[in-house]
Amino acid sequence: MKKLLGILVIAAAMTACNNSADSAAGTVDSATKAAADTVKATLDTVAKKVDSTAHAVVDSAKSKINAAKDSVKKAIKK
């Protein structure tokens, strides 16, 4: 009877350890997915900021070039 109880205890411990390993793997998978989603969201945000900044720089440069063209045209007409 003692041997049977010992085997049952060992089997229960192995089963418990096996189940916790599966849930830990699931936790790691979900943590990895969450980290990947966070990185993707951060990259999207940075890309939008860079895009808007680039548009602002280009628009500013265009306006300065157009102002310079107008100045040159006025100087040529004089």
PDB file of N, CA and C in Angstrom:
ATOM      1  N   MET A   1       0.823  -1.187   0.000  1.00  0.00           N
ATOM      2  CA  MET A   1       0.000   0.000   0.000  1.00  0.00           C
ATOM      3  C   MET A   1       0.869   1.253   0.000  1.00  0.00           C
ATOM      4  N   LYS A   2       1.991   1.231   0.736  1.00  0.00           N
ATOM      5  CA  LYS A   2       2.876   2.381   0.783  1.00  0.00           C
ATOM      6  C   LYS A   2       3.483   2.644  -0.586  1.00  0.00           C
ATOM      7  N   LYS A   3       3.811   1.572  -1.307  1.00  0.00           N
ATOM      8  CA  LYS A   3       4.387   1.729  -2.640  1.00  0.00           C
ATOM      9  C   LYS A   3       3.373   2.373  -3.587  1.00  0.00           C
ATOM     10  N   LEU A   4       2.124   1.961  -3.487  1.00  0.00           N
ATOM     11  CA  LEU A   4       1.077   2.517  -4.332  1.00  0.00           C
ATOM     12  C   LEU A   4       0.890   4.012  -4.051  1.00  0.00           C
ATOM     13  N   LEU A   5       0.869   4.380  -2.773  1.00  0.00           N
ATOM     14  CA  LEU A   5       0.732   5.787  -2.419  1.00  0.00           C
ATOM     15  C   LEU A   5       1.939   6.587  -2.903  1.00  0.00           C
ATOM     16  N   GLY A   6       3.123   6.018  -2.783  1.00  0.00           N
ATOM     17  CA  GLY A   6       4.339   6.685  -3.253  1.00  0.00           C
ATOM     18  C   GLY A   6       4.295   6.915  -4.756  1.00  0.00           C
ATOM     19  N   ILE A   7       3.851   5.908  -5.494  1.00  0.00           N
ATOM     20  CA  ILE A   7       3.746   6.041  -6.955  1.00  0.00           C
ATOM     21  C   ILE A   7       2.711   7.097  -7.325  1.00  0.00           C
ATOM     22  N   LEU A   8       1.594   7.109  -6.613  1.00  0.00           N
ATOM     23  CA  LEU A   8       0.555   8.103  -6.884  1.00  0.00           C
ATOM     24  C   LEU A   8       1.049   9.528  -6.598  1.00  0.00           C
ATOM     25  N   VAL A   9       1.817   9.685  -5.518  1.00  0.00           N
ATOM     26  CA  VAL A   9       2.361  11.000  -5.188  1.00  0.00           C
ATOM     27  C   VAL A   9       3.326  11.463  -6.278  1.00  0.00           C
ATOM     28  N   ILE A  10       4.195  10.558  -6.706  1.00  0.00           N
ATOM     29  CA  ILE A  10       5.161  10.909  -7.760  1.00  0.00           C
ATOM     30  C   ILE A  10       4.444  11.225  -9.065  1.00  0.00           C
ATOM     31  N   ALA A  11       3.438  10.420  -9.406  1.00  0.00           N
ATOM     32  CA  ALA A  11       2.673  10.668 -10.634  1.00  0.00           C
ATOM     33  C   ALA A  11       1.940  12.008 -10.559  1.00  0.00           C
ATOM     34  N   ALA A  12       1.381  12.323  -9.401  1.00  0.00           N
ATOM     35  CA  ALA A  12       0.678  13.603  -9.242  1.00  0.00           C
ATOM     36  C   ALA A  12       1.656  14.771  -9.364  1.00  0.00           C
ATOM     37  N   ALA A  13       2.851  14.608  -8.782  1.00  0.00           N
ATOM     38  CA  ALA A  13       3.854  15.672  -8.867  1.00  0.00           C
ATOM     39  C   ALA A  13       4.315  15.871 -10.310  1.00  0.00           C
ATOM     40  N   MET A  14       4.523  14.785 -11.025  1.00  0.00           N
ATOM     41  CA  MET A  14       4.949  14.892 -12.425  1.00  0.00           C
ATOM     42  C   MET A  14       3.853  15.525 -13.279  1.00  0.00           C
ATOM     43  N   THR A  15       2.624  15.174 -13.014  1.00  0.00           N
ATOM     44  CA  THR A  15       1.513  15.758 -13.764  1.00  0.00           C
ATOM     45  C   THR A  15       1.403  17.251 -13.471  1.00  0.00           C
ATOM     46  N   ALA A  16       1.545  17.621 -12.225  1.00  0.00           N
ATOM     47  CA  ALA A  16       1.480  19.036 -11.854  1.00  0.00           C
ATOM     48  C   ALA A  16       2.625  19.808 -12.497  1.00  0.00           C
ATOM     49  N   CYS A  17       3.799  19.246 -12.506  1.00  0.00           N
ATOM     50  CA  CYS A  17       4.941  19.914 -13.125  1.00  0.00           C
ATOM     51  C   CYS A  17       4.741  20.040 -14.626  1.00  0.00           C
ATOM     52  N   ASN A  18       4.202  19.021 -15.233  1.00  0.00           N
ATOM     53  CA  ASN A  18       3.967  19.050 -16.675  1.00  0.00           C
ATOM     54  C   ASN A  18       2.934  20.115 -17.026  1.00  0.00           C
ATOM     55  N   ASN A  19       1.877  20.241 -16.264  1.00  0.00           N
ATOM     56  CA  ASN A  19       0.846  21.235 -16.554  1.00  0.00           C
ATOM     57  C   ASN A  19       1.373  22.644 -16.368  1.00  0.00           C
ATOM     58  N   SER A  20       2.174  22.878 -15.350  1.00  0.00           N
ATOM     59  CA  SER A  20       2.701  24.217 -15.131  1.00  0.00           C
ATOM     60  C   SER A  20       3.681  24.603 -16.228  1.00  0.00           C
ATOM     61  N   ALA A  21       4.384  23.643 -16.788  1.00  0.00           N
ATOM     62  CA  ALA A  21       5.295  23.943 -17.883  1.00  0.00           C
ATOM     63  C   ALA A  21       4.512  24.391 -19.102  1.00  0.00           C
ATOM     64  N   ASP A  22       3.374  23.775 -19.355  1.00  0.00           N
ATOM     65  CA  ASP A  22       2.550  24.184 -20.479  1.00  0.00           C
ATOM     66  C   ASP A  22       2.024  25.592 -20.280  1.00  0.00           C
ATOM     67  N   SER A  23       1.570  25.904 -19.101  1.00  0.00           N
ATOM     68  CA  SER A  23       1.044  27.242 -18.873  1.00  0.00           C
ATOM     69  C   SER A  23       2.163  28.278 -18.898  1.00  0.00           C
ATOM     70  N   ALA A  24       3.358  27.902 -18.482  1.00  0.00           N
ATOM     71  CA  ALA A  24       4.483  28.834 -18.558  1.00  0.00           C
ATOM     72  C   ALA A  24       4.832  29.107 -20.012  1.00  0.00           C
ATOM     73  N   ALA A  25       4.764  28.069 -20.839  1.00  0.00           N
ATOM     74  CA  ALA A  25       5.030  28.269 -22.260  1.00  0.00           C
ATOM     75  C   ALA A  25       3.963  29.166 -22.867  1.00  0.00           C
ATOM     76  N   GLY A  26       2.731  28.990 -22.451  1.00  0.00           N
ATOM     77  CA  GLY A  26       1.657  29.858 -22.927  1.00  0.00           C
ATOM     78  C   GLY A  26       1.860  31.283 -22.466  1.00  0.00           C
ATOM     79  N   THR A  27       2.341  31.449 -21.259  1.00  0.00           N
ATOM     80  CA  THR A  27       2.617  32.778 -20.736  1.00  0.00           C
ATOM     81  C   THR A  27       3.736  33.442 -21.521  1.00  0.00           C
ATOM     82  N   VAL A  28       4.760  32.671 -21.835  1.00  0.00           N
ATOM     83  CA  VAL A  28       5.871  33.201 -22.622  1.00  0.00           C
ATOM     84  C   VAL A  28       5.386  33.588 -24.017  1.00  0.00           C
ATOM     85  N   ASP A  29       4.543  32.745 -24.619  1.00  0.00           N
ATOM     86  CA  ASP A  29       4.009  33.058 -25.943  1.00  0.00           C
ATOM     87  C   ASP A  29       3.185  34.333 -25.913  1.00  0.00           C
ATOM     88  N   SER A  30       2.334  34.469 -24.908  1.00  0.00           N
ATOM     89  CA  SER A  30       1.505  35.671 -24.832  1.00  0.00           C
ATOM     90  C   SER A  30       2.348  36.902 -24.525  1.00  0.00           C
ATOM     91  N   ALA A  31       3.377  36.739 -23.712  1.00  0.00           N
ATOM     92  CA  ALA A  31       4.267  37.864 -23.421  1.00  0.00           C
ATOM     93  C   ALA A  31       5.039  38.270 -24.671  1.00  0.00           C
ATOM     94  N   THR A  32       5.469  37.290 -25.444  1.00  0.00           N
ATOM     95  CA  THR A  32       6.184  37.569 -26.688  1.00  0.00           C
ATOM     96  C   THR A  32       5.277  38.301 -27.671  1.00  0.00           C
ATOM     97  N   LYS A  33       4.035  37.843 -27.765  1.00  0.00           N
ATOM     98  CA  LYS A  33       3.080  38.490 -28.665  1.00  0.00           C
ATOM     99  C   LYS A  33       2.802  39.913 -28.217  1.00  0.00           C
ATOM    100  N   ALA A  34       2.661  40.107 -26.921  1.00  0.00           N
ATOM    101  CA  ALA A  34       2.414  41.449 -26.397  1.00  0.00           C
ATOM    102  C   ALA A  34       3.600  42.364 -26.681  1.00  0.00           C
ATOM    103  N   ALA A  35       4.805  41.845 -26.506  1.00  0.00           N
ATOM    104  CA  ALA A  35       6.004  42.641 -26.789  1.00  0.00           C
ATOM    105  C   ALA A  35       6.086  42.989 -28.269  1.00  0.00           C
ATOM    106  N   ALA A  36       5.771  42.031 -29.118  1.00  0.00           N
ATOM    107  CA  ALA A  36       5.794  42.284 -30.561  1.00  0.00           C
ATOM    108  C   ALA A  36       4.751  43.329 -30.945  1.00  0.00           C
ATOM    109  N   ASP A  37       3.567  43.250 -30.350  1.00  0.00           N
ATOM    110  CA  ASP A  37       2.528  44.241 -30.624  1.00  0.00           C
ATOM    111  C   ASP A  37       2.954  45.626 -30.165  1.00  0.00           C
ATOM    112  N   THR A  38       3.606  45.696 -29.014  1.00  0.00           N
ATOM    113  CA  THR A  38       4.078  46.982 -28.495  1.00  0.00           C
ATOM    114  C   THR A  38       5.138  47.573 -29.410  1.00  0.00           C
ATOM    115  N   VAL A  39       6.059  46.743 -29.872  1.00  0.00           N
ATOM    116  CA  VAL A  39       7.107  47.221 -30.784  1.00  0.00           C
ATOM    117  C   VAL A  39       6.491  47.713 -32.085  1.00  0.00           C
ATOM    118  N   LYS A  40       5.513  46.951 -32.602  1.00  0.00           N
ATOM    119  CA  LYS A  40       4.864  47.349 -33.852  1.00  0.00           C
ATOM    120  C   LYS A  40       4.141  48.687 -33.682  1.00  0.00           C
ATOM    121  N   ALA A  41       3.435  48.843 -32.575  1.00  0.00           N
ATOM    122  CA  ALA A  41       2.720  50.092 -32.326  1.00  0.00           C
ATOM    123  C   ALA A  41       3.693  51.255 -32.193  1.00  0.00           C
ATOM    124  N   THR A  42       4.816  51.020 -31.525  1.00  0.00           N
ATOM    125  CA  THR A  42       5.829  52.063 -31.367  1.00  0.00           C
ATOM    126  C   THR A  42       6.420  52.449 -32.721  1.00  0.00           C
ATOM    127  N   LEU A  43       6.721  51.459 -33.536  1.00  0.00           N
ATOM    128  CA  LEU A  43       7.279  51.741 -34.854  1.00  0.00           C
ATOM    129  C   LEU A  43       6.284  52.502 -35.720  1.00  0.00           C
ATOM    130  N   ASP A  44       5.008  52.141 -35.642  1.00  0.00           N
ATOM    131  CA  ASP A  44       3.984  52.855 -36.401  1.00  0.00           C
ATOM    132  C   ASP A  44       3.907  54.313 -35.961  1.00  0.00           C
ATOM    133  N   THR A  45       3.953  54.535 -34.664  1.00  0.00           N
ATOM    134  CA  THR A  45       3.892  55.894 -34.136  1.00  0.00           C
ATOM    135  C   THR A  45       5.108  56.697 -34.583  1.00  0.00           C
ATOM    136  N   VAL A  46       6.279  56.096 -34.493  1.00  0.00           N
ATOM    137  CA  VAL A  46       7.510  56.784 -34.909  1.00  0.00           C
ATOM    138  C   VAL A  46       7.464  57.076 -36.403  1.00  0.00           C
ATOM    139  N   ALA A  47       6.982  56.121 -37.188  1.00  0.00           N
ATOM    140  CA  ALA A  47       6.901  56.331 -38.633  1.00  0.00           C
ATOM    141  C   ALA A  47       5.963  57.486 -38.962  1.00  0.00           C
ATOM    142  N   LYS A  48       4.851  57.589 -38.252  1.00  0.00           N
ATOM    143  CA  LYS A  48       3.922  58.692 -38.487  1.00  0.00           C
ATOM    144  C   LYS A  48       4.558  60.021 -38.122  1.00  0.00           C
ATOM    145  N   LYS A  49       5.288  60.049 -37.001  1.00  0.00           N
ATOM    146  CA  LYS A  49       5.945  61.294 -36.585  1.00  0.00           C
ATOM    147  C   LYS A  49       7.026  61.698 -37.582  1.00  0.00           C
ATOM    148  N   VAL A  50       7.809  60.738 -38.053  1.00  0.00           N
ATOM    149  CA  VAL A  50       8.857  61.029 -39.028  1.00  0.00           C
ATOM    150  C   VAL A  50       8.222  61.516 -40.323  1.00  0.00           C
ATOM    151  N   ASP A  51       7.137  60.875 -40.731  1.00  0.00           N
ATOM    152  CA  ASP A  51       6.456  61.262 -41.959  1.00  0.00           C
ATOM    153  C   ASP A  51       5.925  62.687 -41.865  1.00  0.00           C
ATOM    154  N   SER A  52       5.275  63.001 -40.744  1.00  0.00           N
ATOM    155  CA  SER A  52       4.735  64.362 -40.592  1.00  0.00           C
ATOM    156  C   SER A  52       5.851  65.390 -40.495  1.00  0.00           C
ATOM    157  N   THR A  53       6.942  65.043 -39.843  1.00  0.00           N
ATOM    158  CA  THR A  53       8.083  65.957 -39.748  1.00  0.00           C
ATOM    159  C   THR A  53       8.720  66.163 -41.119  1.00  0.00           C
ATOM    160  N   ALA A  54       8.838  65.096 -41.879  1.00  0.00           N
ATOM    161  CA  ALA A  54       9.416  65.204 -43.219  1.00  0.00           C
ATOM    162  C   ALA A  54       8.542  66.084 -44.106  1.00  0.00           C
ATOM    163  N   HIS A  55       7.222  65.915 -44.008  1.00  0.00           N
ATOM    164  CA  HIS A  55       6.328  66.758 -44.794  1.00  0.00           C
ATOM    165  C   HIS A  55       6.471  68.224 -44.394  1.00  0.00           C
ATOM    166  N   ALA A  56       6.604  68.477 -43.114  1.00  0.00           N
ATOM    167  CA  ALA A  56       6.766  69.854 -42.644  1.00  0.00           C
ATOM    168  C   ALA A  56       8.065  70.458 -43.164  1.00  0.00           C
ATOM    169  N   VAL A  57       9.133  69.680 -43.159  1.00  0.00           N
ATOM    170  CA  VAL A  57      10.430  70.169 -43.654  1.00  0.00           C
ATOM    171  C   VAL A  57      10.355  70.441 -45.150  1.00  0.00           C
ATOM    172  N   VAL A  58       9.735  69.533 -45.887  1.00  0.00           N
ATOM    173  CA  VAL A  58       9.622  69.712 -47.337  1.00  0.00           C
ATOM    174  C   VAL A  58       8.763  70.936 -47.648  1.00  0.00           C
ATOM    175  N   ASP A  59       7.654  71.081 -46.939  1.00  0.00           N
ATOM    176  CA  ASP A  59       6.797  72.250 -47.170  1.00  0.00           C
ATOM    177  C   ASP A  59       7.538  73.545 -46.850  1.00  0.00           C
ATOM    178  N   SER A  60       8.287  73.554 -45.788  1.00  0.00           N
ATOM    179  CA  SER A  60       9.072  74.733 -45.410  1.00  0.00           C
ATOM    180  C   SER A  60      10.120  75.035 -46.468  1.00  0.00           C
ATOM    181  N   ALA A  61      10.788  73.995 -46.949  1.00  0.00           N
ATOM    182  CA  ALA A  61      11.811  74.189 -47.976  1.00  0.00           C
ATOM    183  C   ALA A  61      11.174  74.706 -49.266  1.00  0.00           C
ATOM    184  N   LYS A  62      10.018  74.168 -49.631  1.00  0.00           N
ATOM    185  CA  LYS A  62       9.334  74.639 -50.840  1.00  0.00           C
ATOM    186  C   LYS A  62       8.956  76.107 -50.724  1.00  0.00           C
ATOM    187  N   SER A  63       8.452  76.492 -49.561  1.00  0.00           N
ATOM    188  CA  SER A  63       8.057  77.890 -49.398  1.00  0.00           C
ATOM    189  C   SER A  63       9.271  78.816 -49.455  1.00  0.00           C
ATOM    190  N   LYS A  64      10.391  78.389 -48.900  1.00  0.00           N
ATOM    191  CA  LYS A  64      11.605  79.211 -48.961  1.00  0.00           C
ATOM    192  C   LYS A  64      12.147  79.291 -50.387  1.00  0.00           C
ATOM    193  N   ILE A  65      12.080  78.191 -51.118  1.00  0.00           N
ATOM    194  CA  ILE A  65      12.542  78.194 -52.512  1.00  0.00           C
ATOM    195  C   ILE A  65      11.646  79.101 -53.353  1.00  0.00           C
ATOM    196  N   ASN A  66      10.340  79.000 -53.121  1.00  0.00           N
ATOM    197  CA  ASN A  66       9.425  79.864 -53.869  1.00  0.00           C
ATOM    198  C   ASN A  66       9.655  81.333 -53.531  1.00  0.00           C
ATOM    199  N   ALA A  67       9.919  81.629 -52.282  1.00  0.00           N
ATOM    200  CA  ALA A  67      10.217  83.004 -51.888  1.00  0.00           C
ATOM    201  C   ALA A  67      11.507  83.482 -52.553  1.00  0.00           C
ATOM    202  N   ALA A  68      12.503  82.606 -52.623  1.00  0.00           N
ATOM    203  CA  ALA A  68      13.764  82.962 -53.270  1.00  0.00           C
ATOM    204  C   ALA A  68      13.545  83.188 -54.772  1.00  0.00           C
ATOM    205  N   LYS A  69      12.720  82.357 -55.406  1.00  0.00           N
ATOM    206  CA  LYS A  69      12.408  82.531 -56.831  1.00  0.00           C
ATOM    207  C   LYS A  69      11.748  83.880 -57.068  1.00  0.00           C
ATOM    208  N   ASP A  70      10.798  84.216 -56.196  1.00  0.00           N
ATOM    209  CA  ASP A  70      10.107  85.491 -56.338  1.00  0.00           C
ATOM    210  C   ASP A  70      11.084  86.659 -56.185  1.00  0.00           C
ATOM    211  N   SER A  71      11.986  86.547 -55.244  1.00  0.00           N
ATOM    212  CA  SER A  71      12.980  87.601 -55.038  1.00  0.00           C
ATOM    213  C   SER A  71      13.880  87.752 -56.260  1.00  0.00           C
ATOM    214  N   VAL A  72      14.294  86.613 -56.818  1.00  0.00           N
ATOM    215  CA  VAL A  72      15.150  86.653 -58.016  1.00  0.00           C
ATOM    216  C   VAL A  72      14.390  87.253 -59.183  1.00  0.00           C
ATOM    217  N   LYS A  73      13.130  86.880 -59.363  1.00  0.00           N
ATOM    218  CA  LYS A  73      12.326  87.427 -60.455  1.00  0.00           C
ATOM    219  C   LYS A  73      12.164  88.939 -60.317  1.00  0.00           C
ATOM    220  N   LYS A  74      11.938  89.391 -59.078  1.00  0.00           N
ATOM    221  CA  LYS A  74      11.802  90.836 -58.844  1.00  0.00           C
ATOM    222  C   LYS A  74      13.104  91.553 -59.126  1.00  0.00           C
ATOM    223  N   ALA A  75      14.230  90.943 -58.757  1.00  0.00           N
ATOM    224  CA  ALA A  75      15.525  91.561 -58.999  1.00  0.00           C
ATOM    225  C   ALA A  75      15.836  91.628 -60.484  1.00  0.00           C
ATOM    226  N   ILE A  76      15.421  90.627 -61.230  1.00  0.00           N
ATOM    227  CA  ILE A  76      15.675  90.593 -62.673  1.00  0.00           C
ATOM    228  C   ILE A  76      14.825  91.669 -63.358  1.00  0.00           C
ATOM    229  N   LYS A  77      13.608  91.864 -62.916  1.00  0.00           N
ATOM    230  CA  LYS A  77      12.724  92.840 -63.533  1.00  0.00           C
ATOM    231  C   LYS A  77      13.218  94.281 -63.304  1.00  0.00           C
ATOM    232  N   LYS A  78      13.937  94.535 -62.260  1.00  0.00           N
ATOM    233  CA  LYS A  78      14.427  95.890 -61.976  1.00  0.00           C
ATOM    234  C   LYS A  78      15.532  96.174 -62.891  1.00  0.00           C
TER     235      LYS A  78
END
